[in-house]
PDB file of N, CA and C in Angstrom:
ATOM      1  N   UNK A   1      11.128  21.230  -9.460  1.00  0.00           N
ATOM      2  CA  UNK A   1      11.442  22.577  -8.872  1.00  0.00           C
ATOM      3  C   UNK A   1      10.919  23.656  -9.803  1.00  0.00           C
ATOM      4  N   UNK A   2      10.229  24.555  -9.282  1.00  0.00           N
ATOM      5  CA  UNK A   2       9.764  25.717  -9.951  1.00  0.00           C
ATOM      6  C   UNK A   2      10.367  26.893  -9.270  1.00  0.00           C
ATOM      7  N   UNK A   3      10.842  27.970 -10.152  1.00  0.00           N
ATOM      8  CA  UNK A   3      11.351  29.130  -9.515  1.00  0.00           C
ATOM      9  C   UNK A   3      10.371  30.308 -10.051  1.00  0.00           C
ATOM     10  N   UNK A   4      10.185  31.212  -9.112  1.00  0.00           N
ATOM     11  CA  UNK A   4       9.303  32.409  -9.378  1.00  0.00           C
ATOM     12  C   UNK A   4       7.918  31.901  -9.969  1.00  0.00           C
ATOM     13  N   UNK A   5       7.359  30.942  -9.232  1.00  0.00           N
ATOM     14  CA  UNK A   5       6.115  30.381  -9.682  1.00  0.00           C
ATOM     15  C   UNK A   5       4.951  31.302  -9.314  1.00  0.00           C
ATOM     16  N   UNK A   6       4.137  31.568 -10.291  1.00  0.00           N
ATOM     17  CA  UNK A   6       2.839  32.432  -9.929  1.00  0.00           C
ATOM     18  C   UNK A   6       2.003  31.600  -8.957  1.00  0.00           C
ATOM     19  N   UNK A   7       1.854  32.191  -7.749  1.00  0.00           N
ATOM     20  CA  UNK A   7       0.975  31.502  -6.752  1.00  0.00           C
ATOM     21  C   UNK A   7       0.163  32.549  -5.979  1.00  0.00           C
ATOM     22  N   UNK A   8      -1.098  32.209  -5.714  1.00  0.00           N
ATOM     23  CA  UNK A   8      -1.857  33.169  -4.905  1.00  0.00           C
ATOM     24  C   UNK A   8      -1.785  34.592  -5.417  1.00  0.00           C
ATOM     25  N   UNK A   9      -1.347  35.442  -4.675  1.00  0.00           N
ATOM     26  CA  UNK A   9      -1.251  36.920  -5.054  1.00  0.00           C
ATOM     27  C   UNK A   9       0.264  37.312  -5.343  1.00  0.00           C
ATOM     28  N   UNK A  10       1.031  36.596  -5.858  1.00  0.00           N
ATOM     29  CA  UNK A  10       2.334  36.966  -6.168  1.00  0.00           C
ATOM     30  C   UNK A  10       3.217  35.804  -6.798  1.00  0.00           C
ATOM     31  N   UNK A  11       4.423  35.738  -6.493  1.00  0.00           N
ATOM     32  CA  UNK A  11       5.314  34.671  -7.017  1.00  0.00           C
ATOM     33  C   UNK A  11       6.213  34.087  -5.953  1.00  0.00           C
ATOM     34  N   UNK A  12       5.914  32.777  -5.726  1.00  0.00           N
ATOM     35  CA  UNK A  12       6.823  32.056  -4.761  1.00  0.00           C
ATOM     36  C   UNK A  12       8.179  31.892  -5.318  1.00  0.00           C
ATOM     37  N   UNK A  13       9.241  32.188  -4.483  1.00  0.00           N
ATOM     38  CA  UNK A  13      10.600  32.141  -4.983  1.00  0.00           C
ATOM     39  C   UNK A  13      10.953  30.729  -5.478  1.00  0.00           C
ATOM     40  N   UNK A  14      10.619  29.723  -4.680  1.00  0.00           N
ATOM     41  CA  UNK A  14      10.877  28.342  -5.144  1.00  0.00           C
ATOM     42  C   UNK A  14       9.689  27.410  -4.598  1.00  0.00           C
ATOM     43  N   UNK A  15       9.336  26.469  -5.421  1.00  0.00           N
ATOM     44  CA  UNK A  15       8.375  25.439  -5.041  1.00  0.00           C
ATOM     45  C   UNK A  15       8.826  24.109  -5.563  1.00  0.00           C
ATOM     46  N   UNK A  16       8.942  23.196  -4.575  1.00  0.00           N
ATOM     47  CA  UNK A  16       9.262  21.804  -4.881  1.00  0.00           C
ATOM     48  C   UNK A  16       8.091  20.977  -4.874  1.00  0.00           C
ATOM     49  N   UNK A  17       7.819  20.224  -5.862  1.00  0.00           N
ATOM     50  CA  UNK A  17       6.692  19.218  -5.839  1.00  0.00           C
ATOM     51  C   UNK A  17       7.326  17.811  -5.978  1.00  0.00           C
ATOM     52  N   UNK A  18       7.050  16.924  -5.040  1.00  0.00           N
ATOM     53  CA  UNK A  18       7.651  15.599  -5.063  1.00  0.00           C
ATOM     54  C   UNK A  18       6.892  14.774  -6.218  1.00  0.00           C
ATOM     55  N   UNK A  19       7.517  13.686  -6.541  1.00  0.00           N
ATOM     56  CA  UNK A  19       6.828  12.744  -7.565  1.00  0.00           C
ATOM     57  C   UNK A  19       5.651  12.133  -6.889  1.00  0.00           C
ATOM     58  N   UNK A  20       4.801  11.766  -7.779  1.00  0.00           N
ATOM     59  CA  UNK A  20       3.473  11.283  -7.328  1.00  0.00           C
ATOM     60  C   UNK A  20       3.512  10.144  -6.246  1.00  0.00           C
ATOM     61  N   UNK A  21       4.492   9.235  -6.345  1.00  0.00           N
ATOM     62  CA  UNK A  21       4.582   8.070  -5.444  1.00  0.00           C
ATOM     63  C   UNK A  21       5.525   8.307  -4.267  1.00  0.00           C
ATOM     64  N   UNK A  22       5.892   9.609  -4.099  1.00  0.00           N
ATOM     65  CA  UNK A  22       6.773   9.891  -3.031  1.00  0.00           C
ATOM     66  C   UNK A  22       6.224  10.222  -1.715  1.00  0.00           C
ATOM     67  N   UNK A  23       6.853   9.954  -0.572  1.00  0.00           N
ATOM     68  CA  UNK A  23       6.424  10.363   0.789  1.00  0.00           C
ATOM     69  C   UNK A  23       7.007  11.719   1.114  1.00  0.00           C
ATOM     70  N   UNK A  24       7.750  12.297   0.297  1.00  0.00           N
ATOM     71  CA  UNK A  24       8.404  13.657   0.616  1.00  0.00           C
ATOM     72  C   UNK A  24       7.325  14.690   0.568  1.00  0.00           C
ATOM     73  N   UNK A  25       7.415  15.793   1.402  1.00  0.00           N
ATOM     74  CA  UNK A  25       6.426  16.863   1.438  1.00  0.00           C
ATOM     75  C   UNK A  25       6.718  17.851   0.250  1.00  0.00           C
ATOM     76  N   UNK A  26       5.778  18.621  -0.091  1.00  0.00           N
ATOM     77  CA  UNK A  26       5.984  19.733  -1.049  1.00  0.00           C
ATOM     78  C   UNK A  26       6.526  20.915  -0.264  1.00  0.00           C
ATOM     79  N   UNK A  27       7.426  21.661  -0.888  1.00  0.00           N
ATOM     80  CA  UNK A  27       8.017  22.856  -0.182  1.00  0.00           C
ATOM     81  C   UNK A  27       7.660  24.098  -0.992  1.00  0.00           C
ATOM     82  N   UNK A  28       7.271  25.133  -0.163  1.00  0.00           N
ATOM     83  CA  UNK A  28       7.085  26.495  -0.727  1.00  0.00           C
ATOM     84  C   UNK A  28       8.135  27.352   0.103  1.00  0.00           C
ATOM     85  N   UNK A  29       9.056  27.936  -0.689  1.00  0.00           N
ATOM     86  CA  UNK A  29      10.199  28.537  -0.106  1.00  0.00           C
ATOM     87  C   UNK A  29      10.247  29.984  -0.478  1.00  0.00           C
ATOM     88  N   UNK A  30      10.358  30.870   0.494  1.00  0.00           N
ATOM     89  CA  UNK A  30      10.484  32.270   0.214  1.00  0.00           C
ATOM     90  C   UNK A  30      11.898  32.746   0.848  1.00  0.00           C
ATOM     91  N   UNK A  31      12.678  33.470   0.034  1.00  0.00           N
ATOM     92  CA  UNK A  31      14.000  33.929   0.471  1.00  0.00           C
ATOM     93  C   UNK A  31      13.950  35.400   0.591  1.00  0.00           C
ATOM     94  N   UNK A  32      14.480  35.837   1.723  1.00  0.00           N
ATOM     95  CA  UNK A  32      14.665  37.236   2.097  1.00  0.00           C
ATOM     96  C   UNK A  32      16.012  37.607   2.441  1.00  0.00           C
ATOM     97  N   UNK A  33      16.490  38.743   2.156  1.00  0.00           N
ATOM     98  CA  UNK A  33      17.734  39.247   2.668  1.00  0.00           C
ATOM     99  C   UNK A  33      17.570  40.494   3.455  1.00  0.00           C
ATOM    100  N   UNK A  34      18.399  40.490   4.539  1.00  0.00           N
ATOM    101  CA  UNK A  34      18.290  41.571   5.553  1.00  0.00           C
ATOM    102  C   UNK A  34      16.921  41.760   6.111  1.00  0.00           C
ATOM    103  N   UNK A  35      16.100  40.747   6.122  1.00  0.00           N
ATOM    104  CA  UNK A  35      14.831  40.686   6.849  1.00  0.00           C
ATOM    105  C   UNK A  35      14.788  39.412   7.738  1.00  0.00           C
ATOM    106  N   UNK A  36      13.542  38.974   8.146  1.00  0.00           N
ATOM    107  CA  UNK A  36      13.457  37.929   8.996  1.00  0.00           C
ATOM    108  C   UNK A  36      12.881  36.699   8.366  1.00  0.00           C
ATOM    109  N   UNK A  37      13.168  35.521   8.851  1.00  0.00           N
ATOM    110  CA  UNK A  37      12.586  34.270   8.349  1.00  0.00           C
ATOM    111  C   UNK A  37      11.088  34.283   8.631  1.00  0.00           C
ATOM    112  N   UNK A  38      10.673  34.859   9.702  1.00  0.00           N
ATOM    113  CA  UNK A  38       9.208  35.115  10.124  1.00  0.00           C
ATOM    114  C   UNK A  38       8.527  35.928   9.073  1.00  0.00           C
ATOM    115  N   UNK A  39       9.180  36.958   8.671  1.00  0.00           N
ATOM    116  CA  UNK A  39       8.582  37.828   7.557  1.00  0.00           C
ATOM    117  C   UNK A  39       8.437  37.035   6.264  1.00  0.00           C
ATOM    118  N   UNK A  40       9.288  36.179   5.904  1.00  0.00           N
ATOM    119  CA  UNK A  40       9.242  35.346   4.749  1.00  0.00           C
ATOM    120  C   UNK A  40       8.041  34.412   4.845  1.00  0.00           C
ATOM    121  N   UNK A  41       7.877  33.736   6.119  1.00  0.00           N
ATOM    122  CA  UNK A  41       6.702  32.857   6.149  1.00  0.00           C
ATOM    123  C   UNK A  41       5.393  33.684   6.215  1.00  0.00           C
ATOM    124  N   UNK A  42       5.387  34.953   6.726  1.00  0.00           N
ATOM    125  CA  UNK A  42       4.141  35.807   6.780  1.00  0.00           C
ATOM    126  C   UNK A  42       3.802  36.140   5.254  1.00  0.00           C
ATOM    127  N   UNK A  43       4.869  36.411   4.424  1.00  0.00           N
ATOM    128  CA  UNK A  43       4.623  36.694   3.009  1.00  0.00           C
ATOM    129  C   UNK A  43       3.938  35.562   2.348  1.00  0.00           C
ATOM    130  N   UNK A  44       4.452  34.224   2.585  1.00  0.00           N
ATOM    131  CA  UNK A  44       3.868  33.003   1.985  1.00  0.00           C
ATOM    132  C   UNK A  44       2.415  32.954   2.255  1.00  0.00           C
ATOM    133  N   UNK A  45       2.041  33.201   3.615  1.00  0.00           N
ATOM    134  CA  UNK A  45       0.675  33.114   4.123  1.00  0.00           C
ATOM    135  C   UNK A  45      -0.190  34.245   3.554  1.00  0.00           C
ATOM    136  N   UNK A  46       0.309  35.386   3.700  1.00  0.00           N
ATOM    137  CA  UNK A  46      -0.536  36.609   3.328  1.00  0.00           C
ATOM    138  C   UNK A  46      -0.705  36.637   1.748  1.00  0.00           C
ATOM    139  N   UNK A  47       0.229  36.203   1.078  1.00  0.00           N
ATOM    140  CA  UNK A  47      -0.116  36.243  -0.468  1.00  0.00           C
ATOM    141  C   UNK A  47      -0.705  34.927  -0.947  1.00  0.00           C
ATOM    142  N   UNK A  48      -0.920  34.071  -0.017  1.00  0.00           N
ATOM    143  CA  UNK A  48      -1.719  32.756  -0.253  1.00  0.00           C
ATOM    144  C   UNK A  48      -1.019  31.876  -1.333  1.00  0.00           C
ATOM    145  N   UNK A  49       0.324  31.819  -1.196  1.00  0.00           N
ATOM    146  CA  UNK A  49       1.113  30.976  -2.118  1.00  0.00           C
ATOM    147  C   UNK A  49       0.672  29.505  -2.074  1.00  0.00           C
ATOM    148  N   UNK A  50       0.210  28.956  -0.865  1.00  0.00           N
ATOM    149  CA  UNK A  50      -0.135  27.566  -0.801  1.00  0.00           C
ATOM    150  C   UNK A  50      -1.366  27.183  -1.671  1.00  0.00           C
ATOM    151  N   UNK A  51      -2.207  28.221  -2.002  1.00  0.00           N
ATOM    152  CA  UNK A  51      -3.316  27.929  -2.823  1.00  0.00           C
ATOM    153  C   UNK A  51      -2.995  27.319  -4.085  1.00  0.00           C
ATOM    154  N   UNK A  52      -1.801  27.476  -4.599  1.00  0.00           N
ATOM    155  CA  UNK A  52      -1.376  26.738  -5.865  1.00  0.00           C
ATOM    156  C   UNK A  52      -1.323  25.248  -5.656  1.00  0.00           C
ATOM    157  N   UNK A  53      -1.210  24.824  -4.394  1.00  0.00           N
ATOM    158  CA  UNK A  53      -1.077  23.404  -4.124  1.00  0.00           C
ATOM    159  C   UNK A  53      -2.474  22.834  -3.445  1.00  0.00           C
ATOM    160  N   UNK A  54      -3.563  23.456  -3.778  1.00  0.00           N
ATOM    161  CA  UNK A  54      -4.802  23.185  -3.108  1.00  0.00           C
ATOM    162  C   UNK A  54      -5.246  21.674  -3.446  1.00  0.00           C
ATOM    163  N   UNK A  55      -4.851  21.190  -4.555  1.00  0.00           N
ATOM    164  CA  UNK A  55      -5.216  19.844  -4.947  1.00  0.00           C
ATOM    165  C   UNK A  55      -4.176  18.793  -4.606  1.00  0.00           C
ATOM    166  N   UNK A  56      -3.105  19.171  -3.965  1.00  0.00           N
ATOM    167  CA  UNK A  56      -2.035  18.329  -3.477  1.00  0.00           C
ATOM    168  C   UNK A  56      -2.417  17.636  -2.264  1.00  0.00           C
ATOM    169  N   UNK A  57      -2.435  16.310  -2.201  1.00  0.00           N
ATOM    170  CA  UNK A  57      -2.838  15.560  -1.067  1.00  0.00           C
ATOM    171  C   UNK A  57      -1.812  15.369   0.047  1.00  0.00           C
ATOM    172  N   UNK A  58      -0.576  15.551  -0.252  1.00  0.00           N
ATOM    173  CA  UNK A  58       0.501  15.343   0.760  1.00  0.00           C
ATOM    174  C   UNK A  58       0.783  16.412   1.583  1.00  0.00           C
ATOM    175  N   UNK A  59       1.663  16.273   2.481  1.00  0.00           N
ATOM    176  CA  UNK A  59       2.202  17.392   3.439  1.00  0.00           C
ATOM    177  C   UNK A  59       2.860  18.432   2.757  1.00  0.00           C
ATOM    178  N   UNK A  60       2.626  19.640   3.123  1.00  0.00           N
ATOM    179  CA  UNK A  60       3.194  20.873   2.668  1.00  0.00           C
ATOM    180  C   UNK A  60       3.960  21.592   3.714  1.00  0.00           C
ATOM    181  N   UNK A  61       5.200  21.922   3.431  1.00  0.00           N
ATOM    182  CA  UNK A  61       5.976  22.731   4.320  1.00  0.00           C
ATOM    183  C   UNK A  61       6.332  24.120   3.806  1.00  0.00           C
ATOM    184  N   UNK A  62       6.208  25.101   4.687  1.00  0.00           N
ATOM    185  CA  UNK A  62       6.425  26.428   4.272  1.00  0.00           C
ATOM    186  C   UNK A  62       7.757  26.798   4.906  1.00  0.00           C
ATOM    187  N   UNK A  63       8.678  27.281   3.974  1.00  0.00           N
ATOM    188  CA  UNK A  63      10.094  27.536   4.497  1.00  0.00           C
ATOM    189  C   UNK A  63      10.352  29.001   4.212  1.00  0.00           C
ATOM    190  N   UNK A  64      10.765  29.780   5.347  1.00  0.00           N
ATOM    191  CA  UNK A  64      11.199  31.071   5.184  1.00  0.00           C
ATOM    192  C   UNK A  64      12.767  31.091   5.454  1.00  0.00           C
ATOM    193  N   UNK A  65      13.510  31.608   4.603  1.00  0.00           N
ATOM    194  CA  UNK A  65      15.004  31.737   4.784  1.00  0.00           C
ATOM    195  C   UNK A  65      15.396  33.107   4.618  1.00  0.00           C
ATOM    196  N   UNK A  66      16.104  33.686   5.607  1.00  0.00           N
ATOM    197  CA  UNK A  66      16.643  35.018   5.504  1.00  0.00           C
ATOM    198  C   UNK A  66      18.231  34.936   5.549  1.00  0.00           C
ATOM    199  N   UNK A  67      18.889  35.900   4.999  1.00  0.00           N
ATOM    200  CA  UNK A  67      20.246  35.891   5.003  1.00  0.00           C
ATOM    201  C   UNK A  67      20.729  37.295   4.917  1.00  0.00           C
ATOM    202  N   UNK A  68      21.942  37.581   5.386  1.00  0.00           N
ATOM    203  CA  UNK A  68      22.536  38.804   5.351  1.00  0.00           C
ATOM    204  C   UNK A  68      23.244  39.145   4.124  1.00  0.00           C
ATOM    205  N   UNK A  69      22.677  39.735   3.187  1.00  0.00           N
ATOM    206  CA  UNK A  69      23.238  39.937   1.845  1.00  0.00           C
ATOM    207  C   UNK A  69      24.470  40.860   1.890  1.00  0.00           C
ATOM    208  N   UNK A  70      24.477  41.893   2.688  1.00  0.00           N
ATOM    209  CA  UNK A  70      25.563  42.896   2.644  1.00  0.00           C
ATOM    210  C   UNK A  70      26.737  42.555   3.518  1.00  0.00           C
ATOM    211  N   UNK A  71      26.629  41.425   4.308  1.00  0.00           N
ATOM    212  CA  UNK A  71      27.889  41.043   5.154  1.00  0.00           C
ATOM    213  C   UNK A  71      28.872  40.493   4.277  1.00  0.00           C
ATOM    214  N   UNK A  72      30.073  40.520   4.715  1.00  0.00           N
ATOM    215  CA  UNK A  72      31.237  40.044   3.959  1.00  0.00           C
ATOM    216  C   UNK A  72      31.211  38.462   3.847  1.00  0.00           C
ATOM    217  N   UNK A  73      31.684  37.931   2.708  1.00  0.00           N
ATOM    218  CA  UNK A  73      31.655  36.458   2.579  1.00  0.00           C
ATOM    219  C   UNK A  73      32.315  35.822   3.725  1.00  0.00           C
ATOM    220  N   UNK A  74      31.674  34.778   4.106  1.00  0.00           N
ATOM    221  CA  UNK A  74      32.108  34.052   5.434  1.00  0.00           C
ATOM    222  C   UNK A  74      31.593  34.633   6.723  1.00  0.00           C
ATOM    223  N   UNK A  75      30.963  35.814   6.662  1.00  0.00           N
ATOM    224  CA  UNK A  75      30.373  36.503   7.821  1.00  0.00           C
ATOM    225  C   UNK A  75      28.868  36.533   7.706  1.00  0.00           C
ATOM    226  N   UNK A  76      28.360  35.910   6.635  1.00  0.00           N
ATOM    227  CA  UNK A  76      26.787  36.068   6.418  1.00  0.00           C
ATOM    228  C   UNK A  76      26.146  35.036   7.382  1.00  0.00           C
ATOM    229  N   UNK A  77      25.105  35.561   8.006  1.00  0.00           N
ATOM    230  CA  UNK A  77      24.311  34.732   8.929  1.00  0.00           C
ATOM    231  C   UNK A  77      23.022  34.394   8.163  1.00  0.00           C
ATOM    232  N   UNK A  78      22.574  33.157   8.377  1.00  0.00           N
ATOM    233  CA  UNK A  78      21.244  32.705   7.773  1.00  0.00           C
ATOM    234  C   UNK A  78      20.421  32.240   8.841  1.00  0.00           C
ATOM    235  N   UNK A  79      19.123  32.489   8.591  1.00  0.00           N
ATOM    236  CA  UNK A  79      18.038  32.022   9.584  1.00  0.00           C
ATOM    237  C   UNK A  79      17.038  31.309   8.758  1.00  0.00           C
ATOM    238  N   UNK A  80      16.392  30.341   9.397  1.00  0.00           N
ATOM    239  CA  UNK A  80      15.428  29.580   8.609  1.00  0.00           C
ATOM    240  C   UNK A  80      14.206  29.190   9.578  1.00  0.00           C
ATOM    241  N   UNK A  81      13.073  29.230   9.014  1.00  0.00           N
ATOM    242  CA  UNK A  81      11.854  28.780   9.787  1.00  0.00           C
ATOM    243  C   UNK A  81      11.079  27.973   8.931  1.00  0.00           C
ATOM    244  N   UNK A  82      10.652  26.782   9.440  1.00  0.00           N
ATOM    245  CA  UNK A  82       9.895  25.859   8.612  1.00  0.00           C
ATOM    246  C   UNK A  82       8.561  25.549   9.445  1.00  0.00           C
ATOM    247  N   UNK A  83       7.429  25.596   8.837  1.00  0.00           N
ATOM    248  CA  UNK A  83       6.114  25.332   9.439  1.00  0.00           C
ATOM    249  C   UNK A  83       5.385  24.300   8.575  1.00  0.00           C
ATOM    250  N   UNK A  84       4.571  23.447   9.168  1.00  0.00           N
ATOM    251  CA  UNK A  84       3.698  22.567   8.402  1.00  0.00           C
ATOM    252  C   UNK A  84       2.416  23.397   8.119  1.00  0.00           C
ATOM    253  N   UNK A  85       2.101  23.388   6.854  1.00  0.00           N
ATOM    254  CA  UNK A  85       0.920  24.117   6.347  1.00  0.00           C
ATOM    255  C   UNK A  85      -0.326  23.249   6.784  1.00  0.00           C
ATOM    256  N   UNK A  86      -1.306  23.970   7.403  1.00  0.00           N
ATOM    257  CA  UNK A  86      -2.629  23.328   7.668  1.00  0.00           C
ATOM    258  C   UNK A  86      -3.657  23.747   6.589  1.00  0.00           C
ATOM    259  N   UNK A  87      -4.136  22.804   5.969  1.00  0.00           N
ATOM    260  CA  UNK A  87      -5.209  23.089   4.921  1.00  0.00           C
ATOM    261  C   UNK A  87      -6.493  23.359   5.493  1.00  0.00           C
TER     262      UNK A  87
END
């Protein structure tokens, strides 16, 4: 797991790279508060974060997660969008 990994034209919040012999996908995760999960996915694509994984042969999932930072504890809503990255 890498946090604030320099990728493309910015920093991906979290990147998970599986072990070499694993069937698990790589994950590029962008976290947003008080915004949309779609906006997080757009940022991943617009800033070209997946370019960091250009030599990775396995599946890559892009994950956008948004949450309401200012809501009271127990009242926070979370949204998530996951898409398969097409090389």
